[in-house]
Amino acid sequence: MADILARVRTIVGTTAEWAADDLVIGDGEISCERLVDGKVKIKCGDGLQKFSVLPYIQSDAPKVLPHVETLAYAAIVAPDFSKSDSFRVVVTGACKIDNPSNFTPGQSGAIAIQQDATGGHPITFGTVWKFEGGAAPSMTGDPNALDVLTFWVESATRIIGRVITDSK
């Protein structure tokens, strides 16, 4: 039992790298295949078979998300929650944080919303956004003010949001 840690390793590669190498995966070794769309497929080796022969443990594992996705300012901003759980946008005019695309119940994260050097730009929200007390919060309008919208996706029609205002 003392050599267990020495025998376990994790191998990560792209689909192209796995196809080119087609390694024999050691007994108990975990291999992660990163697909072009960012999803990850996982296999566990038996020490005898090559990667291409082993079955996938989980064929629909969540994709690896980037740390912060920068959103381009527009009058209507609709984040794509399949790209990240953390976003940032600098608003240069009135802005609606619209219903995001590709969100999943249980997903959570944050959107940093910063006013530009002029400030005073009103922020509104799409219909799936729900807030404490039933009303959207007032956002800080000061120049360069930074508010952080934290969220938790409850269902396909409800995202619970809370705003941390005027973060300094």
Foldseek 3Di string as FASTA:
>chain_A
DVCVVVQEDEAEDEPVVCVVPQAQAQAQYKYWYQYPVQFIWIFGHRHPGTPVPTDTPDDGHQGDEDDEAEWEEDQETAAAVSRHQHYEYEYAAAHEHEHHPDDDAFRKHKYKYWYAQVFPHFYHYYQQEAEPPGDDDGADGHHGFIKMWIWGHHDPRHIYIDIDHRDD
